Amino acid sequence: MTIREVMAEEEEIFNFSRILIYNETIDHVTRPVLTKQLFKESLKDDTVVTLASIKKDIFSINENIPVAKALDLFIICS
């Protein structure tokens, strides 16, 4: 789906700071797209920009990792 299609058809996106992209069900989130980035891209003349091209990576960690170590991992990854 292109960004222009999303902006024209999905009015509820204006209520959120992030849009989740998922496979088949909402339980399988692949990546988020920042609404601010979506607005910036919609202002460009390029009509073939898709949501997939601006999505961000999701970092996941084991739930048993201590908080200090988890923060270190997120700092390293970003």
Protein backbone atom coordinates (compact mmCIF):
# COMPACT_ATOMS: atom_id res chain seq x y z
CA MET A 1 0.00 0.00 0.00
CA THR A 2 1.38 3.41 -0.92
CA ILE A 3 1.49 6.29 1.52
CA ARG A 4 -0.96 8.32 -0.54
CA GLU A 5 -3.46 5.43 -0.43
CA VAL A 6 -3.10 5.19 3.33
CA MET A 7 -3.56 8.93 3.82
CA ALA A 8 -6.69 8.93 1.64
CA GLU A 9 -8.36 5.75 2.94
CA GLU A 10 -7.33 5.30 6.57
CA GLU A 11 -8.58 8.32 8.55
CA GLU A 12 -8.01 6.66 11.95
CA ILE A 13 -4.21 6.90 11.52
CA PHE A 14 -4.40 10.55 12.55
CA ASN A 15 -5.19 9.42 16.13
CA PHE A 16 -1.93 7.55 16.75
CA SER A 17 1.82 8.26 16.79
CA ARG A 18 2.65 4.79 15.40
CA ILE A 19 0.97 2.45 12.96
CA LEU A 20 1.67 -1.24 13.37
CA ILE A 21 2.22 -3.34 10.27
CA TYR A 22 1.32 -6.96 10.81
CA ASN A 23 1.03 -10.27 8.93
CA GLU A 24 -2.44 -11.80 8.78
CA THR A 25 -3.38 -11.08 12.43
CA ILE A 26 -2.50 -8.32 14.89
CA ASP A 27 -0.64 -10.92 16.96
CA HIS A 28 2.08 -11.01 14.28
CA VAL A 29 3.36 -7.42 14.25
CA THR A 30 6.27 -7.06 11.85
CA ARG A 31 7.24 -3.40 12.28
CA PRO A 32 5.88 -0.01 13.29
CA VAL A 33 5.66 3.07 11.09
CA LEU A 34 5.87 6.48 12.74
CA THR A 35 2.93 8.69 11.78
CA LYS A 36 5.23 11.72 11.67
CA GLN A 37 7.38 9.97 9.06
CA LEU A 38 4.23 9.04 7.14
CA PHE A 39 3.18 12.70 7.00
CA LYS A 40 6.64 13.81 5.83
CA GLU A 41 6.70 11.22 3.06
CA SER A 42 3.18 12.14 1.94
CA LEU A 43 4.37 15.67 1.21
CA LYS A 44 6.95 14.44 -1.29
CA ASP A 45 6.11 14.12 -4.97
CA ASP A 46 7.13 10.44 -5.10
CA THR A 47 3.85 8.52 -5.42
CA VAL A 48 5.35 5.03 -5.16
CA VAL A 49 6.65 5.27 -1.58
CA THR A 50 5.16 2.39 0.40
CA LEU A 51 4.68 1.76 4.11
CA ALA A 52 7.16 -1.09 3.88
CA SER A 53 9.88 1.29 2.71
CA ILE A 54 9.68 3.52 5.83
CA LYS A 55 8.96 0.98 8.56
CA LYS A 56 11.25 0.70 11.59
CA ASP A 57 12.87 -2.40 13.05
CA ILE A 58 11.44 -4.04 16.17
CA PHE A 59 13.93 -5.17 18.78
CA SER A 60 12.95 -8.10 20.95
CA ILE A 61 14.64 -9.52 23.98
CA ASN A 62 14.08 -12.39 26.37
CA GLU A 63 11.79 -11.43 29.26
CA ASN A 64 14.30 -12.79 31.80
CA ILE A 65 17.08 -10.33 30.91
CA PRO A 66 17.80 -7.83 33.72
CA VAL A 67 16.64 -4.27 33.05
CA ALA A 68 20.17 -2.82 33.05
CA LYS A 69 21.31 -5.33 30.41
CA ALA A 70 18.14 -4.72 28.35
CA LEU A 71 18.78 -0.96 28.34
CA ASP A 72 22.38 -1.56 27.24
CA LEU A 73 21.12 -3.73 24.37
CA PHE A 74 18.64 -1.09 23.20
CA ILE A 75 21.33 1.61 23.33
CA ILE A 76 23.69 -0.52 21.26
CA CYS A 77 20.99 -1.36 18.69
CA SER A 78 19.79 2.19 18.15
